[in-house]
């Protein structure tokens, strides 16, 4: 197993200044990569830090797109 760092949904929500529900929705549709820590559907979810950084890099917009 790698030594990659994993973030909680709450941490990602705080970093992005959005709600935890928004982060969970983006995970559900596959926008933000995540792993579940159990198979019963009730386990904790963790977001690989590298995956979040890659998603953010792909989400960047140019000044023209932001207008």
C-alpha atoms as a PDB file:
ATOM      1  CA  UNK A   1       0.000   0.000   0.000  1.00  0.00           C
ATOM      2  CA  UNK A   2       1.274   3.475  -0.832  1.00  0.00           C
ATOM      3  CA  UNK A   3       1.858   6.258   1.644  1.00  0.00           C
ATOM      4  CA  UNK A   4      -0.636   8.493  -0.126  1.00  0.00           C
ATOM      5  CA  UNK A   5      -2.577  10.870   2.103  1.00  0.00           C
ATOM      6  CA  UNK A   6      -6.359  10.638   2.279  1.00  0.00           C
ATOM      7  CA  UNK A   7      -8.810  13.390   3.207  1.00  0.00           C
ATOM      8  CA  UNK A   8     -12.241  13.222   4.802  1.00  0.00           C
ATOM      9  CA  UNK A   9     -15.341  14.611   3.123  1.00  0.00           C
ATOM     10  CA  UNK A  10     -15.470  17.307   5.812  1.00  0.00           C
ATOM     11  CA  UNK A  11     -11.867  18.343   5.147  1.00  0.00           C
ATOM     12  CA  UNK A  12     -12.431  18.559   1.384  1.00  0.00           C
ATOM     13  CA  UNK A  13     -15.617  20.570   1.922  1.00  0.00           C
ATOM     14  CA  UNK A  14     -13.729  22.996   4.127  1.00  0.00           C
ATOM     15  CA  UNK A  15     -10.832  23.290   1.671  1.00  0.00           C
ATOM     16  CA  UNK A  16     -13.224  24.042  -1.200  1.00  0.00           C
ATOM     17  CA  UNK A  17     -15.590  26.223   0.862  1.00  0.00           C
ATOM     18  CA  UNK A  18     -18.580  24.095  -0.066  1.00  0.00           C
ATOM     19  CA  UNK A  19     -20.928  21.854   1.897  1.00  0.00           C
ATOM     20  CA  UNK A  20     -20.240  18.210   2.663  1.00  0.00           C
ATOM     21  CA  UNK A  21     -23.338  17.389   0.611  1.00  0.00           C
ATOM     22  CA  UNK A  22     -21.773  19.063  -2.439  1.00  0.00           C
ATOM     23  CA  UNK A  23     -18.615  16.983  -2.020  1.00  0.00           C
ATOM     24  CA  UNK A  24     -20.678  13.786  -1.613  1.00  0.00           C
ATOM     25  CA  UNK A  25     -22.667  14.604  -4.761  1.00  0.00           C
ATOM     26  CA  UNK A  26     -19.473  15.116  -6.756  1.00  0.00           C
ATOM     27  CA  UNK A  27     -18.162  11.797  -5.444  1.00  0.00           C
ATOM     28  CA  UNK A  28     -21.457  10.064  -6.343  1.00  0.00           C
ATOM     29  CA  UNK A  29     -21.276  11.193  -9.981  1.00  0.00           C
ATOM     30  CA  UNK A  30     -17.586  10.366 -10.233  1.00  0.00           C
ATOM     31  CA  UNK A  31     -16.226  13.899 -10.437  1.00  0.00           C
ATOM     32  CA  UNK A  32     -14.110  13.590  -7.302  1.00  0.00           C
ATOM     33  CA  UNK A  33     -12.280  10.274  -6.852  1.00  0.00           C
ATOM     34  CA  UNK A  34     -12.930   8.536  -3.534  1.00  0.00           C
ATOM     35  CA  UNK A  35     -12.800   5.192  -1.773  1.00  0.00           C
ATOM     36  CA  UNK A  36     -15.171   3.599   0.734  1.00  0.00           C
ATOM     37  CA  UNK A  37     -13.598   1.966   3.737  1.00  0.00           C
ATOM     38  CA  UNK A  38     -16.263  -0.732   4.084  1.00  0.00           C
ATOM     39  CA  UNK A  39     -18.469  -2.814   1.826  1.00  0.00           C
ATOM     40  CA  UNK A  40     -21.726  -2.533   3.760  1.00  0.00           C
ATOM     41  CA  UNK A  41     -22.566   0.881   2.271  1.00  0.00           C
ATOM     42  CA  UNK A  42     -22.203   2.664   5.593  1.00  0.00           C
ATOM     43  CA  UNK A  43     -18.434   3.034   5.745  1.00  0.00           C
ATOM     44  CA  UNK A  44     -16.390   6.164   5.838  1.00  0.00           C
ATOM     45  CA  UNK A  45     -15.369   7.764   2.550  1.00  0.00           C
ATOM     46  CA  UNK A  46     -11.872   9.073   1.931  1.00  0.00           C
ATOM     47  CA  UNK A  47     -10.564  11.187  -0.927  1.00  0.00           C
ATOM     48  CA  UNK A  48      -6.990  10.618  -2.095  1.00  0.00           C
ATOM     49  CA  UNK A  49      -5.171  13.947  -1.857  1.00  0.00           C
ATOM     50  CA  UNK A  50      -3.475  13.341  -5.219  1.00  0.00           C
ATOM     51  CA  UNK A  51      -6.851  12.585  -6.816  1.00  0.00           C
ATOM     52  CA  UNK A  52      -8.342  15.789  -5.452  1.00  0.00           C
ATOM     53  CA  UNK A  53      -5.373  17.793  -6.749  1.00  0.00           C
ATOM     54  CA  UNK A  54      -5.738  16.199 -10.193  1.00  0.00           C
ATOM     55  CA  UNK A  55      -9.472  16.934 -10.239  1.00  0.00           C
ATOM     56  CA  UNK A  56      -8.821  20.551  -9.261  1.00  0.00           C
ATOM     57  CA  UNK A  57      -6.164  20.906 -11.967  1.00  0.00           C
ATOM     58  CA  UNK A  58      -8.671  19.707 -14.556  1.00  0.00           C
ATOM     59  CA  UNK A  59     -11.359  22.038 -13.218  1.00  0.00           C
ATOM     60  CA  UNK A  60      -9.358  25.226 -13.746  1.00  0.00           C
ATOM     61  CA  UNK A  61     -10.918  27.797 -16.027  1.00  0.00           C
ATOM     62  CA  UNK A  62      -9.437  30.597 -18.044  1.00  0.00           C
ATOM     63  CA  UNK A  63     -10.426  34.192 -17.248  1.00  0.00           C
ATOM     64  CA  UNK A  64     -12.666  34.189 -20.340  1.00  0.00           C
ATOM     65  CA  UNK A  65     -14.510  31.060 -19.129  1.00  0.00           C
ATOM     66  CA  UNK A  66     -15.009  32.536 -15.669  1.00  0.00           C
ATOM     67  CA  UNK A  67     -16.759  35.648 -17.015  1.00  0.00           C
END
